[in-house]
Amino acid sequence: MSRRKKLRKALMGAAALYGASKLMGIGAGTSGKATVSDAQKTTQVPKIKRPTRAIDTGSKTMVGSKVKTTVDVDALPREVKEKAATVAKTNEKIKKAVIKRRDEGKLSPLMPKRANQISSDFGLTPFAAKAGKMIKARGGGMARTKPTKLY
């Protein structure tokens, strides 16, 4: 073998040995500390999910459906009222903004705008659409399973 080929083979062997030693964690290049930091431990601790129950806030959406929220099962009546009041207040603020946009005609054509528009056959479905009706294209994996043209 020529000198150049021998040198190339030696360099490739050295690189392979270095990579193997890095994978196994031995040899030159190890930092010595292979433990998980405290910051990483806190992110890896599983979060304990408290049992909750659904409550009615007493508020209604733009189309008349109830607005619900969840509270802890052990919550006191005062805490339940405070949470319901907060959610209802936020909902009223959002509802006012949506109604303003509805009156300006800025809502989606498919969005129900009145309570009487809510029904089982509202909106575009593959079974209730008109022939040749085009809908917005969807990318990613859904594009293969959901065609953009409804026949």
C-alpha atoms as a PDB file:
ATOM      1  CA  MET A   1       0.000   0.000   0.000  1.00  0.00           C
ATOM      2  CA  SER A   2       1.105   3.492  -0.656  1.00  0.00           C
ATOM      3  CA  ARG A   3       2.012   5.833   2.161  1.00  0.00           C
ATOM      4  CA  ARG A   4      -1.081   7.992   1.560  1.00  0.00           C
ATOM      5  CA  LYS A   5      -3.448   4.987   1.823  1.00  0.00           C
ATOM      6  CA  LYS A   6      -1.785   3.837   5.050  1.00  0.00           C
ATOM      7  CA  LEU A   7      -2.148   7.304   6.556  1.00  0.00           C
ATOM      8  CA  ARG A   8      -5.823   7.494   5.541  1.00  0.00           C
ATOM      9  CA  LYS A   9      -6.517   4.049   7.032  1.00  0.00           C
ATOM     10  CA  ALA A  10      -4.773   5.014  10.287  1.00  0.00           C
ATOM     11  CA  LEU A  11      -6.809   8.230  10.543  1.00  0.00           C
ATOM     12  CA  MET A  12     -10.067   6.367   9.928  1.00  0.00           C
ATOM     13  CA  GLY A  13      -9.160   3.802  12.599  1.00  0.00           C
ATOM     14  CA  ALA A  14      -8.316   6.545  15.083  1.00  0.00           C
ATOM     15  CA  ALA A  15     -11.613   8.300  14.392  1.00  0.00           C
ATOM     16  CA  ALA A  16     -13.508   5.035  14.877  1.00  0.00           C
ATOM     17  CA  LEU A  17     -11.760   4.381  18.202  1.00  0.00           C
ATOM     18  CA  TYR A  18     -12.439   7.939  19.381  1.00  0.00           C
ATOM     19  CA  GLY A  19     -16.138   7.640  18.501  1.00  0.00           C
ATOM     20  CA  ALA A  20     -16.437   4.291  20.250  1.00  0.00           C
ATOM     21  CA  SER A  21     -14.756   5.628  23.381  1.00  0.00           C
ATOM     22  CA  LYS A  22     -17.141   8.626  23.414  1.00  0.00           C
ATOM     23  CA  LEU A  23     -20.140   6.311  23.139  1.00  0.00           C
ATOM     24  CA  MET A  24     -18.927   4.127  25.984  1.00  0.00           C
ATOM     25  CA  GLY A  25     -17.957   7.093  28.133  1.00  0.00           C
ATOM     26  CA  ILE A  26     -14.320   6.163  28.647  1.00  0.00           C
ATOM     27  CA  GLY A  27     -10.999   7.627  27.615  1.00  0.00           C
ATOM     28  CA  ALA A  28     -10.046  11.220  26.979  1.00  0.00           C
ATOM     29  CA  GLY A  29     -12.878  13.637  26.556  1.00  0.00           C
ATOM     30  CA  THR A  30     -15.158  12.568  29.413  1.00  0.00           C
ATOM     31  CA  SER A  31     -16.082  15.274  31.845  1.00  0.00           C
ATOM     32  CA  GLY A  32     -16.082  13.034  34.905  1.00  0.00           C
ATOM     33  CA  LYS A  33     -19.608  14.021  36.017  1.00  0.00           C
ATOM     34  CA  ALA A  34     -22.326  11.909  34.451  1.00  0.00           C
ATOM     35  CA  THR A  35     -25.236  12.697  36.778  1.00  0.00           C
ATOM     36  CA  VAL A  36     -28.478  14.518  36.105  1.00  0.00           C
ATOM     37  CA  SER A  37     -28.538  18.121  37.279  1.00  0.00           C
ATOM     38  CA  ASP A  38     -31.078  19.379  39.810  1.00  0.00           C
ATOM     39  CA  ALA A  39     -32.755  21.516  37.152  1.00  0.00           C
ATOM     40  CA  GLN A  40     -33.265  18.442  34.974  1.00  0.00           C
ATOM     41  CA  LYS A  41     -34.602  16.434  37.918  1.00  0.00           C
ATOM     42  CA  THR A  42     -37.327  18.984  38.617  1.00  0.00           C
ATOM     43  CA  THR A  43     -38.523  18.795  35.015  1.00  0.00           C
ATOM     44  CA  GLN A  44     -38.540  14.994  35.100  1.00  0.00           C
ATOM     45  CA  VAL A  45     -40.671  14.689  38.241  1.00  0.00           C
ATOM     46  CA  PRO A  46     -44.161  13.593  37.204  1.00  0.00           C
ATOM     47  CA  LYS A  47     -46.827  16.167  37.938  1.00  0.00           C
ATOM     48  CA  ILE A  48     -49.541  14.982  40.305  1.00  0.00           C
ATOM     49  CA  LYS A  49     -52.896  15.558  38.687  1.00  0.00           C
ATOM     50  CA  ARG A  50     -55.522  16.530  41.221  1.00  0.00           C
ATOM     51  CA  PRO A  51     -59.037  15.205  40.688  1.00  0.00           C
ATOM     52  CA  THR A  52     -61.385  17.890  39.381  1.00  0.00           C
ATOM     53  CA  ARG A  53     -65.086  18.360  38.818  1.00  0.00           C
ATOM     54  CA  ALA A  54     -66.930  20.410  36.218  1.00  0.00           C
ATOM     55  CA  ILE A  55     -69.046  23.367  37.301  1.00  0.00           C
ATOM     56  CA  ASP A  56     -71.402  25.673  35.437  1.00  0.00           C
ATOM     57  CA  THR A  57     -70.282  29.310  35.526  1.00  0.00           C
ATOM     58  CA  GLY A  58     -73.746  30.694  34.808  1.00  0.00           C
ATOM     59  CA  SER A  59     -72.471  32.428  31.678  1.00  0.00           C
ATOM     60  CA  LYS A  60     -73.473  31.635  28.101  1.00  0.00           C
ATOM     61  CA  THR A  61     -71.625  31.783  24.811  1.00  0.00           C
ATOM     62  CA  MET A  62     -72.632  33.831  21.778  1.00  0.00           C
ATOM     63  CA  VAL A  63     -74.866  31.009  20.518  1.00  0.00           C
ATOM     64  CA  GLY A  64     -76.423  30.268  23.914  1.00  0.00           C
ATOM     65  CA  SER A  65     -74.486  27.214  25.106  1.00  0.00           C
ATOM     66  CA  LYS A  66     -73.344  27.028  28.733  1.00  0.00           C
ATOM     67  CA  VAL A  67     -69.786  27.845  29.746  1.00  0.00           C
ATOM     68  CA  LYS A  68     -68.282  25.302  32.123  1.00  0.00           C
ATOM     69  CA  THR A  69     -64.984  25.108  33.959  1.00  0.00           C
ATOM     70  CA  THR A  70     -63.235  22.698  36.304  1.00  0.00           C
ATOM     71  CA  VAL A  71     -62.344  23.081  39.960  1.00  0.00           C
ATOM     72  CA  ASP A  72     -60.618  20.882  42.484  1.00  0.00           C
ATOM     73  CA  VAL A  73     -62.937  18.334  44.103  1.00  0.00           C
ATOM     74  CA  ASP A  74     -61.874  19.579  47.538  1.00  0.00           C
ATOM     75  CA  ALA A  75     -62.464  23.266  46.724  1.00  0.00           C
ATOM     76  CA  LEU A  76     -64.477  25.305  49.193  1.00  0.00           C
ATOM     77  CA  PRO A  77     -67.749  26.912  48.049  1.00  0.00           C
ATOM     78  CA  ARG A  78     -66.102  30.336  48.165  1.00  0.00           C
ATOM     79  CA  GLU A  79     -63.286  29.155  45.878  1.00  0.00           C
ATOM     80  CA  VAL A  80     -65.805  27.629  43.473  1.00  0.00           C
ATOM     81  CA  LYS A  81     -67.762  30.908  43.302  1.00  0.00           C
ATOM     82  CA  GLU A  82     -64.588  32.938  42.752  1.00  0.00           C
ATOM     83  CA  LYS A  83     -63.417  30.658  39.933  1.00  0.00           C
ATOM     84  CA  ALA A  84     -66.868  30.680  38.303  1.00  0.00           C
ATOM     85  CA  ALA A  85     -67.040  34.476  38.532  1.00  0.00           C
ATOM     86  CA  THR A  86     -63.578  34.858  36.992  1.00  0.00           C
ATOM     87  CA  VAL A  87     -64.379  32.531  34.091  1.00  0.00           C
ATOM     88  CA  ALA A  88     -67.786  34.197  33.527  1.00  0.00           C
ATOM     89  CA  LYS A  89     -66.197  37.649  33.485  1.00  0.00           C
ATOM     90  CA  THR A  90     -63.585  36.539  30.958  1.00  0.00           C
ATOM     91  CA  ASN A  91     -66.255  34.868  28.833  1.00  0.00           C
ATOM     92  CA  GLU A  92     -68.394  38.009  28.768  1.00  0.00           C
ATOM     93  CA  LYS A  93     -65.395  40.034  27.613  1.00  0.00           C
ATOM     94  CA  ILE A  94     -64.647  37.551  24.808  1.00  0.00           C
ATOM     95  CA  LYS A  95     -68.338  37.304  23.902  1.00  0.00           C
ATOM     96  CA  LYS A  96     -68.615  41.076  23.565  1.00  0.00           C
ATOM     97  CA  ALA A  97     -65.615  41.167  21.207  1.00  0.00           C
ATOM     98  CA  VAL A  98     -66.964  38.286  19.087  1.00  0.00           C
ATOM     99  CA  ILE A  99     -70.424  39.849  18.835  1.00  0.00           C
ATOM    100  CA  LYS A 100     -68.811  43.106  17.710  1.00  0.00           C
ATOM    101  CA  ARG A 101     -66.862  41.217  15.015  1.00  0.00           C
ATOM    102  CA  ARG A 102     -70.034  39.337  14.032  1.00  0.00           C
ATOM    103  CA  ASP A 103     -71.930  42.586  13.522  1.00  0.00           C
ATOM    104  CA  GLU A 104     -69.061  43.900  11.369  1.00  0.00           C
ATOM    105  CA  GLY A 105     -69.228  40.725   9.251  1.00  0.00           C
ATOM    106  CA  LYS A 106     -65.693  39.596  10.061  1.00  0.00           C
ATOM    107  CA  LEU A 107     -66.466  36.062  11.259  1.00  0.00           C
ATOM    108  CA  SER A 108     -65.802  32.889   9.301  1.00  0.00           C
ATOM    109  CA  PRO A 109     -68.643  31.862   6.981  1.00  0.00           C
ATOM    110  CA  LEU A 110     -68.702  28.412   8.597  1.00  0.00           C
ATOM    111  CA  MET A 111     -68.918  29.697  12.171  1.00  0.00           C
ATOM    112  CA  PRO A 112     -72.401  29.611  13.689  1.00  0.00           C
ATOM    113  CA  LYS A 113     -73.462  33.154  14.530  1.00  0.00           C
ATOM    114  CA  ARG A 114     -76.852  32.571  16.157  1.00  0.00           C
ATOM    115  CA  ALA A 115     -78.242  29.853  18.407  1.00  0.00           C
ATOM    116  CA  ASN A 116     -80.581  28.581  15.678  1.00  0.00           C
ATOM    117  CA  GLN A 117     -77.610  27.794  13.397  1.00  0.00           C
ATOM    118  CA  ILE A 118     -76.396  25.043  15.686  1.00  0.00           C
ATOM    119  CA  SER A 119     -77.658  21.718  14.384  1.00  0.00           C
ATOM    120  CA  SER A 120     -76.337  18.302  13.492  1.00  0.00           C
ATOM    121  CA  ASP A 121     -76.045  19.145   9.780  1.00  0.00           C
ATOM    122  CA  PHE A 122     -74.307  22.516  10.130  1.00  0.00           C
ATOM    123  CA  GLY A 123     -70.970  23.109   8.426  1.00  0.00           C
ATOM    124  CA  LEU A 124     -68.990  21.221   5.839  1.00  0.00           C
ATOM    125  CA  THR A 125     -68.843  17.486   6.274  1.00  0.00           C
ATOM    126  CA  PRO A 126     -67.768  14.960   3.648  1.00  0.00           C
ATOM    127  CA  PHE A 127     -71.342  13.638   3.518  1.00  0.00           C
ATOM    128  CA  ALA A 128     -73.317  16.901   3.446  1.00  0.00           C
ATOM    129  CA  ALA A 129     -71.096  18.989   1.155  1.00  0.00           C
ATOM    130  CA  LYS A 130     -72.077  20.023  -2.341  1.00  0.00           C
ATOM    131  CA  ALA A 131     -70.332  18.264  -5.236  1.00  0.00           C
ATOM    132  CA  GLY A 132     -67.119  19.984  -6.292  1.00  0.00           C
ATOM    133  CA  LYS A 133     -66.981  22.232  -3.198  1.00  0.00           C
ATOM    134  CA  MET A 134     -63.363  23.118  -2.445  1.00  0.00           C
ATOM    135  CA  ILE A 135     -62.155  23.428   1.117  1.00  0.00           C
ATOM    136  CA  LYS A 136     -58.888  24.787   2.489  1.00  0.00           C
ATOM    137  CA  ALA A 137     -55.919  22.494   1.888  1.00  0.00           C
ATOM    138  CA  ARG A 138     -54.385  20.819   4.898  1.00  0.00           C
ATOM    139  CA  GLY A 139     -50.703  19.962   4.975  1.00  0.00           C
ATOM    140  CA  GLY A 140     -48.740  17.361   6.853  1.00  0.00           C
ATOM    141  CA  GLY A 141     -49.927  13.828   7.458  1.00  0.00           C
ATOM    142  CA  MET A 142     -53.584  14.783   7.376  1.00  0.00           C
ATOM    143  CA  ALA A 143     -53.321  15.678   3.682  1.00  0.00           C
ATOM    144  CA  ARG A 144     -53.109  12.016   2.743  1.00  0.00           C
ATOM    145  CA  THR A 145     -56.140  10.937   4.744  1.00  0.00           C
ATOM    146  CA  LYS A 146     -58.380  13.970   4.195  1.00  0.00           C
ATOM    147  CA  PRO A 147     -58.650  15.173   0.605  1.00  0.00           C
ATOM    148  CA  THR A 148     -58.964  18.857  -0.163  1.00  0.00           C
ATOM    149  CA  LYS A 149     -61.815  18.336  -2.617  1.00  0.00           C
ATOM    150  CA  LEU A 150     -65.131  16.952  -1.422  1.00  0.00           C
ATOM    151  CA  TYR A 151     -66.866  14.942  -4.155  1.00  0.00           C
END
